[in-house]
């Protein structure tokens, strides 16, 4: 009888930054670090997470903690949606190849953020396993994810240019 060949347990060296789902770890930045509803929801759904304050004091510059998080292959979770407008923050996300998700509305309370996050978890995992960093995604109230920034820059700017091209082609 022929023996059954077992799969190699060795990880491929082809794409080291690719996320293995069993290594999926959310890093709660200092804005979410003490959000009990999110922490409780992550624990209930057995999602691994790390807290900012376990590694850095409050107020630590992004240039210090972002490379640490990126090198650890963790995914930043924040409620600070203004960072996509902050040039220094965008450059740091790009330079350190960060994977980041933020809550799209500043009016979420802790329970609403936790519910949105749980609704979005499968999409977050899928995006993290298929997209190369850097990228930034927005989590909507429905749990839907919109990538607002990727390795090519602002997705909003690209969509805007595509719409303008379409309008020009239809007008001509």
Protein backbone atom coordinates (compact mmCIF):
# COMPACT_ATOMS: atom_id res chain seq x y z
CA UNK A 1 0.00 0.00 0.00
CA UNK A 2 1.13 3.51 -0.76
CA UNK A 3 1.72 5.75 2.22
CA UNK A 4 -0.19 8.98 2.56
CA UNK A 5 2.08 11.98 2.19
CA UNK A 6 1.70 14.48 5.02
CA UNK A 7 1.80 18.21 4.43
CA UNK A 8 4.95 19.98 5.46
CA UNK A 9 4.54 21.97 8.66
CA UNK A 10 7.14 24.46 7.47
CA UNK A 11 5.82 27.92 6.61
CA UNK A 12 6.53 29.20 3.14
CA UNK A 13 9.14 31.92 2.94
CA UNK A 14 7.33 33.38 -0.07
CA UNK A 15 5.38 36.04 1.77
CA UNK A 16 6.56 36.53 5.36
CA UNK A 17 4.28 39.49 6.03
CA UNK A 18 1.16 37.47 5.17
CA UNK A 19 -0.99 37.00 8.23
CA UNK A 20 -1.70 33.50 9.46
CA UNK A 21 -5.14 33.63 10.99
CA UNK A 22 -3.94 31.83 14.12
CA UNK A 23 -1.49 34.72 14.56
CA UNK A 24 -4.25 37.34 14.26
CA UNK A 25 -3.62 39.90 17.03
CA UNK A 26 -5.35 43.26 17.44
CA UNK A 27 -3.36 46.03 19.07
CA UNK A 28 -5.65 48.41 20.96
CA UNK A 29 -4.03 51.83 20.79
CA UNK A 30 -4.11 54.22 23.72
CA UNK A 31 -7.58 55.49 22.73
CA UNK A 32 -9.11 52.01 23.08
CA UNK A 33 -6.66 50.61 25.61
CA UNK A 34 -9.16 50.75 28.47
CA UNK A 35 -12.40 50.17 26.55
CA UNK A 36 -14.00 47.41 28.63
CA UNK A 37 -16.78 46.54 26.13
CA UNK A 38 -14.22 45.94 23.36
CA UNK A 39 -11.92 43.94 25.62
CA UNK A 40 -14.87 41.85 26.87
CA UNK A 41 -16.07 41.23 23.28
CA UNK A 42 -12.60 40.17 22.14
CA UNK A 43 -12.27 37.80 25.09
CA UNK A 44 -15.74 36.35 24.47
CA UNK A 45 -14.86 35.68 20.80
CA UNK A 46 -11.38 34.41 21.70
CA UNK A 47 -9.61 37.07 19.65
CA UNK A 48 -6.05 37.74 20.72
CA UNK A 49 -5.25 41.36 21.53
CA UNK A 50 -2.51 43.48 23.02
CA UNK A 51 -2.93 46.70 24.99
CA UNK A 52 -0.89 49.81 24.29
CA UNK A 53 -0.18 50.44 27.96
CA UNK A 54 1.38 46.98 28.34
CA UNK A 55 4.25 48.22 26.15
CA UNK A 56 4.25 52.02 26.13
CA UNK A 57 3.16 54.91 28.36
CA UNK A 58 0.30 57.17 27.26
CA UNK A 59 1.42 59.89 24.90
CA UNK A 60 4.20 57.83 23.27
CA UNK A 61 4.89 59.13 19.76
CA UNK A 62 3.59 57.08 16.84
CA UNK A 63 7.14 56.78 15.49
CA UNK A 64 7.99 54.74 18.58
CA UNK A 65 5.08 52.30 18.85
CA UNK A 66 3.99 51.90 15.20
CA UNK A 67 7.20 50.14 14.08
CA UNK A 68 6.95 47.80 17.09
CA UNK A 69 3.36 46.88 16.20
CA UNK A 70 4.19 46.44 12.49
CA UNK A 71 7.22 44.25 13.24
CA UNK A 72 5.04 42.13 15.51
CA UNK A 73 2.56 41.71 12.60
CA UNK A 74 -0.25 43.02 14.78
CA UNK A 75 -3.22 45.02 13.52
CA UNK A 76 -3.79 48.48 14.98
CA UNK A 77 -7.32 49.20 16.17
CA UNK A 78 -8.13 52.82 16.97
CA UNK A 79 -11.04 55.20 17.26
CA UNK A 80 -8.93 58.12 16.06
CA UNK A 81 -10.27 58.65 12.55
CA UNK A 82 -8.50 62.01 12.23
CA UNK A 83 -5.19 60.25 11.72
CA UNK A 84 -5.98 59.68 8.04
CA UNK A 85 -5.84 63.46 7.58
CA UNK A 86 -2.63 63.83 9.56
CA UNK A 87 0.30 63.81 7.13
CA UNK A 88 2.82 62.61 9.74
CA UNK A 89 0.54 59.74 10.76
CA UNK A 90 -0.07 58.70 7.13
CA UNK A 91 3.66 58.72 6.43
CA UNK A 92 4.35 56.65 9.55
CA UNK A 93 1.70 54.09 8.53
CA UNK A 94 3.30 53.88 5.09
CA UNK A 95 6.92 53.84 6.28
CA UNK A 96 6.34 51.08 8.83
CA UNK A 97 3.86 49.09 6.67
CA UNK A 98 1.12 49.23 9.32
CA UNK A 99 -2.24 47.44 9.13
CA UNK A 100 -4.81 49.70 10.79
CA UNK A 101 -8.56 49.83 11.28
CA UNK A 102 -10.54 52.66 12.86
CA UNK A 103 -14.17 53.24 13.73
CA UNK A 104 -15.76 55.44 11.08
CA UNK A 105 -17.94 57.44 13.44
CA UNK A 106 -16.63 59.44 16.35
CA UNK A 107 -20.03 59.09 18.00
CA UNK A 108 -19.74 55.39 18.89
CA UNK A 109 -19.85 54.46 22.55
CA UNK A 110 -17.90 51.45 23.81
CA UNK A 111 -20.77 48.98 23.37
CA UNK A 112 -21.45 50.18 19.83
CA UNK A 113 -17.75 49.91 18.91
CA UNK A 114 -17.63 46.38 20.34
CA UNK A 115 -20.70 45.33 18.34
CA UNK A 116 -19.31 46.85 15.13
CA UNK A 117 -15.96 45.19 15.69
CA UNK A 118 -17.48 41.74 16.19
CA UNK A 119 -19.58 42.23 13.01
CA UNK A 120 -16.43 43.27 11.14
CA UNK A 121 -14.03 40.59 12.45
CA UNK A 122 -14.30 38.19 9.51
CA UNK A 123 -13.84 41.04 7.02
CA UNK A 124 -10.85 42.33 8.98
CA UNK A 125 -9.28 38.86 8.96
CA UNK A 126 -9.94 38.48 5.22
CA UNK A 127 -8.44 41.88 4.40
CA UNK A 128 -5.41 41.20 6.58
CA UNK A 129 -4.81 37.89 4.83
CA UNK A 130 -5.23 39.23 1.28
CA UNK A 131 -3.92 42.82 1.35
CA UNK A 132 -0.26 43.74 1.63
CA UNK A 133 0.47 46.44 4.19
CA UNK A 134 0.32 49.33 4.57
CA UNK A 135 -3.42 49.85 4.66
CA UNK A 136 -6.05 51.65 6.70
CA UNK A 137 -9.66 50.52 6.87
CA UNK A 138 -12.73 52.23 8.24
CA UNK A 139 -15.26 50.19 10.24
CA UNK A 140 -18.82 51.40 9.60
CA UNK A 141 -21.68 51.12 12.07
CA UNK A 142 -22.94 48.11 10.06
CA UNK A 143 -19.59 46.35 10.47
CA UNK A 144 -18.72 46.93 6.82
CA UNK A 145 -15.06 47.75 6.10
CA UNK A 146 -13.91 50.35 3.58
CA UNK A 147 -10.22 50.57 2.75
CA UNK A 148 -9.36 54.27 2.74
CA UNK A 149 -5.62 53.88 2.23
CA UNK A 150 -3.44 51.13 0.81
CA UNK A 151 0.10 50.64 -0.51
CA UNK A 152 -0.79 52.81 -3.53
CA UNK A 153 -2.11 55.73 -1.44
CA UNK A 154 -5.58 57.11 -0.84
CA UNK A 155 -8.30 54.87 -2.24
CA UNK A 156 -10.67 57.84 -2.08
CA UNK A 157 -8.45 59.88 -4.42
CA UNK A 158 -8.21 56.96 -6.88
CA UNK A 159 -12.00 56.44 -6.90
CA UNK A 160 -12.49 60.17 -7.42
CA UNK A 161 -10.12 60.16 -10.43
CA UNK A 162 -11.88 57.10 -11.89
CA UNK A 163 -15.28 58.83 -11.56
CA UNK A 164 -13.90 61.94 -13.26
CA UNK A 165 -12.47 59.84 -16.11
CA UNK A 166 -15.84 58.13 -16.50
CA UNK A 167 -17.67 61.43 -16.63
CA UNK A 168 -15.21 62.82 -19.20
CA UNK A 169 -15.56 59.68 -21.35
CA UNK A 170 -19.36 59.86 -21.21
CA UNK A 171 -19.36 63.58 -22.04
CA UNK A 172 -17.07 63.08 -25.04
